[in-house]
Amino acid sequence: MLFYIIVYDIPCDKRRKKVSDLLEGYGQRVQYSVFECILNQKKYHELRKRLYKQIKLSEDSVRFYPLSQHTFNQIETWGEPPVTELPGSTII
């Protein structure tokens, strides 16, 4: 499983709502257009396929940032919500 930061900029309210609703089923919203998702390869490809059907490439922008375990451990968070935990990880 990998930890992904998924961000989007979608000017159309209707498409933006569909994308945010879809992403809520895969991860945690941490800002208005930013989600943290822990996905295995199958779920990642499924999400990409479903998102692709919802957006207009000529108008919208969606970005996927995978983070490694090493990079994940360097995340610094101020305020709410807390960083999503990787499965099997312990935060002290």
N, C-alpha and C. Protein backbone atom coordinates (compact mmCIF):
# COMPACT_ATOMS: atom_id res chain seq x y z
N MET A 1 0.83 -1.18 0.00
CA MET A 1 0.00 0.00 0.00
C MET A 1 0.87 1.24 0.00
N LEU A 2 0.38 2.25 -0.67
CA LEU A 2 1.07 3.53 -0.70
C LEU A 2 0.15 4.62 -0.19
N PHE A 3 0.76 5.66 0.30
CA PHE A 3 0.06 6.83 0.78
C PHE A 3 0.08 7.86 -0.35
N TYR A 4 -1.09 8.36 -0.72
CA TYR A 4 -1.19 9.33 -1.80
C TYR A 4 -1.81 10.62 -1.29
N ILE A 5 -1.27 11.73 -1.76
CA ILE A 5 -1.92 13.02 -1.64
C ILE A 5 -2.57 13.27 -2.99
N ILE A 6 -3.87 13.50 -3.01
CA ILE A 6 -4.58 13.76 -4.25
C ILE A 6 -5.21 15.14 -4.15
N VAL A 7 -4.88 15.98 -5.11
CA VAL A 7 -5.38 17.36 -5.11
C VAL A 7 -6.07 17.64 -6.44
N TYR A 8 -7.01 18.55 -6.41
CA TYR A 8 -7.71 18.87 -7.64
C TYR A 8 -8.09 20.34 -7.68
N ASP A 9 -8.26 20.82 -8.90
CA ASP A 9 -8.76 22.17 -9.18
C ASP A 9 -9.78 22.00 -10.29
N ILE A 10 -11.05 22.11 -9.94
CA ILE A 10 -12.13 21.88 -10.89
C ILE A 10 -13.10 23.05 -10.81
N PRO A 11 -13.19 23.85 -11.89
CA PRO A 11 -14.02 25.05 -11.84
C PRO A 11 -15.53 24.79 -11.83
N CYS A 12 -15.98 23.68 -12.35
CA CYS A 12 -17.41 23.37 -12.42
C CYS A 12 -17.89 22.78 -11.09
N ASP A 13 -18.86 23.43 -10.46
CA ASP A 13 -19.37 22.97 -9.16
C ASP A 13 -19.88 21.53 -9.21
N LYS A 14 -20.60 21.19 -10.26
CA LYS A 14 -21.19 19.85 -10.37
C LYS A 14 -20.09 18.78 -10.46
N ARG A 15 -19.09 18.98 -11.31
CA ARG A 15 -17.99 18.01 -11.44
C ARG A 15 -17.15 17.97 -10.16
N ARG A 16 -16.91 19.14 -9.56
CA ARG A 16 -16.13 19.19 -8.33
C ARG A 16 -16.81 18.39 -7.22
N LYS A 17 -18.11 18.50 -7.11
CA LYS A 17 -18.87 17.75 -6.10
C LYS A 17 -18.76 16.25 -6.35
N LYS A 18 -18.88 15.84 -7.60
CA LYS A 18 -18.77 14.41 -7.93
C LYS A 18 -17.38 13.88 -7.58
N VAL A 19 -16.35 14.66 -7.89
CA VAL A 19 -14.98 14.24 -7.59
C VAL A 19 -14.77 14.16 -6.08
N SER A 20 -15.21 15.15 -5.34
CA SER A 20 -15.02 15.12 -3.89
C SER A 20 -15.79 13.97 -3.26
N ASP A 21 -17.01 13.72 -3.71
CA ASP A 21 -17.77 12.58 -3.19
C ASP A 21 -17.07 11.26 -3.48
N LEU A 22 -16.52 11.14 -4.67
CA LEU A 22 -15.79 9.93 -5.03
C LEU A 22 -14.57 9.75 -4.14
N LEU A 23 -13.79 10.80 -3.97
CA LEU A 23 -12.58 10.71 -3.16
C LEU A 23 -12.88 10.42 -1.69
N GLU A 24 -14.00 10.88 -1.18
CA GLU A 24 -14.35 10.60 0.21
C GLU A 24 -14.51 9.11 0.46
N GLY A 25 -14.79 8.35 -0.58
CA GLY A 25 -14.89 6.90 -0.45
C GLY A 25 -13.54 6.20 -0.44
N TYR A 26 -12.48 6.94 -0.71
CA TYR A 26 -11.14 6.35 -0.80
C TYR A 26 -10.16 6.89 0.24
N GLY A 27 -10.49 8.00 0.85
CA GLY A 27 -9.53 8.58 1.78
C GLY A 27 -10.15 9.66 2.65
N GLN A 28 -9.28 10.46 3.25
CA GLN A 28 -9.68 11.49 4.19
C GLN A 28 -9.42 12.87 3.60
N ARG A 29 -10.45 13.71 3.65
CA ARG A 29 -10.28 15.10 3.20
C ARG A 29 -9.49 15.84 4.27
N VAL A 30 -8.40 16.51 3.86
CA VAL A 30 -7.60 17.28 4.81
C VAL A 30 -7.66 18.77 4.54
N GLN A 31 -8.06 19.15 3.35
CA GLN A 31 -8.35 20.52 2.98
C GLN A 31 -9.44 20.47 1.91
N TYR A 32 -9.94 21.62 1.53
CA TYR A 32 -11.09 21.63 0.63
C TYR A 32 -10.89 20.78 -0.62
N SER A 33 -9.75 20.87 -1.26
CA SER A 33 -9.52 20.09 -2.48
C SER A 33 -8.29 19.19 -2.35
N VAL A 34 -8.03 18.71 -1.14
CA VAL A 34 -6.87 17.85 -0.87
C VAL A 34 -7.32 16.63 -0.06
N PHE A 35 -6.96 15.45 -0.55
CA PHE A 35 -7.28 14.21 0.13
C PHE A 35 -6.02 13.41 0.40
N GLU A 36 -6.00 12.69 1.52
CA GLU A 36 -4.97 11.71 1.82
C GLU A 36 -5.61 10.34 1.69
N CYS A 37 -4.98 9.48 0.90
CA CYS A 37 -5.53 8.15 0.65
C CYS A 37 -4.45 7.09 0.81
N ILE A 38 -4.78 6.01 1.47
CA ILE A 38 -3.90 4.86 1.56
C ILE A 38 -4.51 3.79 0.67
N LEU A 39 -3.80 3.47 -0.41
CA LEU A 39 -4.37 2.61 -1.44
C LEU A 39 -3.41 1.52 -1.87
N ASN A 40 -3.94 0.32 -2.07
CA ASN A 40 -3.13 -0.70 -2.72
C ASN A 40 -3.21 -0.43 -4.22
N GLN A 41 -2.44 -1.16 -4.98
CA GLN A 41 -2.35 -0.90 -6.41
C GLN A 41 -3.70 -1.06 -7.10
N LYS A 42 -4.47 -2.06 -6.71
CA LYS A 42 -5.78 -2.29 -7.32
C LYS A 42 -6.71 -1.11 -7.07
N LYS A 43 -6.79 -0.64 -5.82
CA LYS A 43 -7.66 0.48 -5.47
C LYS A 43 -7.20 1.77 -6.15
N TYR A 44 -5.87 1.96 -6.25
CA TYR A 44 -5.34 3.14 -6.91
C TYR A 44 -5.77 3.19 -8.37
N HIS A 45 -5.64 2.08 -9.07
CA HIS A 45 -6.04 2.04 -10.49
C HIS A 45 -7.55 2.19 -10.65
N GLU A 46 -8.30 1.61 -9.72
CA GLU A 46 -9.75 1.75 -9.73
C GLU A 46 -10.15 3.22 -9.56
N LEU A 47 -9.53 3.89 -8.59
CA LEU A 47 -9.82 5.31 -8.34
C LEU A 47 -9.47 6.16 -9.55
N ARG A 48 -8.30 5.93 -10.13
CA ARG A 48 -7.89 6.70 -11.32
C ARG A 48 -8.90 6.54 -12.45
N LYS A 49 -9.33 5.33 -12.67
CA LYS A 49 -10.29 5.04 -13.74
C LYS A 49 -11.62 5.77 -13.48
N ARG A 50 -12.09 5.72 -12.24
CA ARG A 50 -13.35 6.37 -11.90
C ARG A 50 -13.24 7.90 -11.98
N LEU A 51 -12.12 8.45 -11.51
CA LEU A 51 -11.91 9.90 -11.58
C LEU A 51 -11.83 10.38 -13.03
N TYR A 52 -11.14 9.61 -13.85
CA TYR A 52 -10.97 9.99 -15.26
C TYR A 52 -12.32 10.19 -15.94
N LYS A 53 -13.31 9.39 -15.55
CA LYS A 53 -14.65 9.50 -16.14
C LYS A 53 -15.39 10.75 -15.67
N GLN A 54 -14.95 11.34 -14.57
CA GLN A 54 -15.65 12.48 -13.98
C GLN A 54 -15.12 13.84 -14.41
N ILE A 55 -13.91 13.89 -14.94
CA ILE A 55 -13.28 15.19 -15.19
C ILE A 55 -13.23 15.52 -16.68
N LYS A 56 -12.99 16.81 -16.95
CA LYS A 56 -12.74 17.30 -18.31
C LYS A 56 -11.28 17.71 -18.35
N LEU A 57 -10.50 17.01 -19.13
CA LEU A 57 -9.06 17.29 -19.20
C LEU A 57 -8.76 18.70 -19.70
N SER A 58 -9.65 19.26 -20.48
CA SER A 58 -9.43 20.61 -21.01
C SER A 58 -9.68 21.71 -19.98
N GLU A 59 -10.34 21.38 -18.86
CA GLU A 59 -10.68 22.38 -17.86
C GLU A 59 -10.19 22.06 -16.45
N ASP A 60 -10.07 20.80 -16.14
CA ASP A 60 -9.80 20.37 -14.76
C ASP A 60 -8.37 19.92 -14.58
N SER A 61 -7.95 19.91 -13.33
CA SER A 61 -6.62 19.42 -12.97
C SER A 61 -6.74 18.51 -11.75
N VAL A 62 -6.19 17.31 -11.86
CA VAL A 62 -6.12 16.37 -10.74
C VAL A 62 -4.68 15.89 -10.67
N ARG A 63 -4.11 15.90 -9.46
CA ARG A 63 -2.72 15.48 -9.27
C ARG A 63 -2.65 14.41 -8.20
N PHE A 64 -1.79 13.42 -8.44
CA PHE A 64 -1.58 12.31 -7.52
C PHE A 64 -0.12 12.34 -7.06
N TYR A 65 0.10 12.46 -5.76
CA TYR A 65 1.46 12.49 -5.22
C TYR A 65 1.65 11.28 -4.31
N PRO A 66 2.38 10.25 -4.77
CA PRO A 66 2.66 9.11 -3.90
C PRO A 66 3.78 9.46 -2.93
N LEU A 67 3.64 9.02 -1.69
CA LEU A 67 4.67 9.24 -0.68
C LEU A 67 5.19 7.90 -0.20
N SER A 68 6.49 7.78 -0.12
CA SER A 68 7.10 6.55 0.38
C SER A 68 7.03 6.53 1.90
N GLN A 69 7.31 5.39 2.49
CA GLN A 69 7.33 5.28 3.95
C GLN A 69 8.32 6.28 4.54
N HIS A 70 9.47 6.43 3.89
CA HIS A 70 10.49 7.37 4.37
C HIS A 70 9.95 8.80 4.35
N THR A 71 9.33 9.19 3.26
CA THR A 71 8.79 10.54 3.13
C THR A 71 7.58 10.73 4.06
N PHE A 72 6.75 9.70 4.17
CA PHE A 72 5.57 9.78 5.04
C PHE A 72 5.98 10.13 6.47
N ASN A 73 7.07 9.54 6.92
CA ASN A 73 7.53 9.79 8.29
C ASN A 73 8.02 11.21 8.51
N GLN A 74 8.19 11.97 7.44
CA GLN A 74 8.67 13.35 7.56
C GLN A 74 7.54 14.38 7.45
N ILE A 75 6.30 13.93 7.33
CA ILE A 75 5.18 14.86 7.23
C ILE A 75 5.05 15.64 8.53
N GLU A 76 4.89 16.92 8.40
CA GLU A 76 4.67 17.81 9.54
C GLU A 76 3.27 18.40 9.39
N THR A 77 2.46 18.28 10.41
CA THR A 77 1.09 18.78 10.35
C THR A 77 0.84 19.76 11.47
N TRP A 78 0.26 20.88 11.13
CA TRP A 78 -0.15 21.89 12.12
C TRP A 78 -1.66 21.99 12.02
N GLY A 79 -2.34 21.93 13.12
CA GLY A 79 -3.80 22.06 13.12
C GLY A 79 -4.48 20.74 12.80
N GLU A 80 -5.73 20.84 12.41
CA GLU A 80 -6.57 19.67 12.16
C GLU A 80 -6.78 19.49 10.67
N PRO A 81 -7.12 18.33 10.18
CA PRO A 81 -7.13 17.05 10.88
C PRO A 81 -5.73 16.47 10.97
N PRO A 82 -5.54 15.47 11.83
CA PRO A 82 -4.21 14.85 11.92
C PRO A 82 -3.88 14.07 10.65
N VAL A 83 -2.61 13.77 10.46
CA VAL A 83 -2.16 12.98 9.30
C VAL A 83 -2.76 11.59 9.38
N THR A 84 -3.23 11.09 8.27
CA THR A 84 -3.74 9.73 8.18
C THR A 84 -2.62 8.76 8.52
N GLU A 85 -2.92 7.72 9.28
CA GLU A 85 -1.91 6.74 9.67
C GLU A 85 -1.84 5.63 8.63
N LEU A 86 -0.62 5.21 8.33
CA LEU A 86 -0.44 4.04 7.48
C LEU A 86 -0.81 2.80 8.26
N PRO A 87 -1.36 1.78 7.62
CA PRO A 87 -1.70 0.55 8.32
C PRO A 87 -0.45 -0.04 8.98
N GLY A 88 -0.59 -0.41 10.22
CA GLY A 88 0.52 -1.02 10.95
C GLY A 88 1.52 -0.03 11.47
N SER A 89 1.29 1.27 11.27
CA SER A 89 2.23 2.26 11.78
C SER A 89 1.83 2.69 13.18
N THR A 90 2.80 3.13 13.93
CA THR A 90 2.56 3.60 15.28
C THR A 90 3.08 5.01 15.39
N ILE A 91 2.26 5.89 15.92
CA ILE A 91 2.68 7.26 16.15
C ILE A 91 2.84 7.46 17.64
N ILE A 92 4.02 7.91 18.04
CA ILE A 92 4.31 8.10 19.47
C ILE A 92 4.31 9.58 19.78
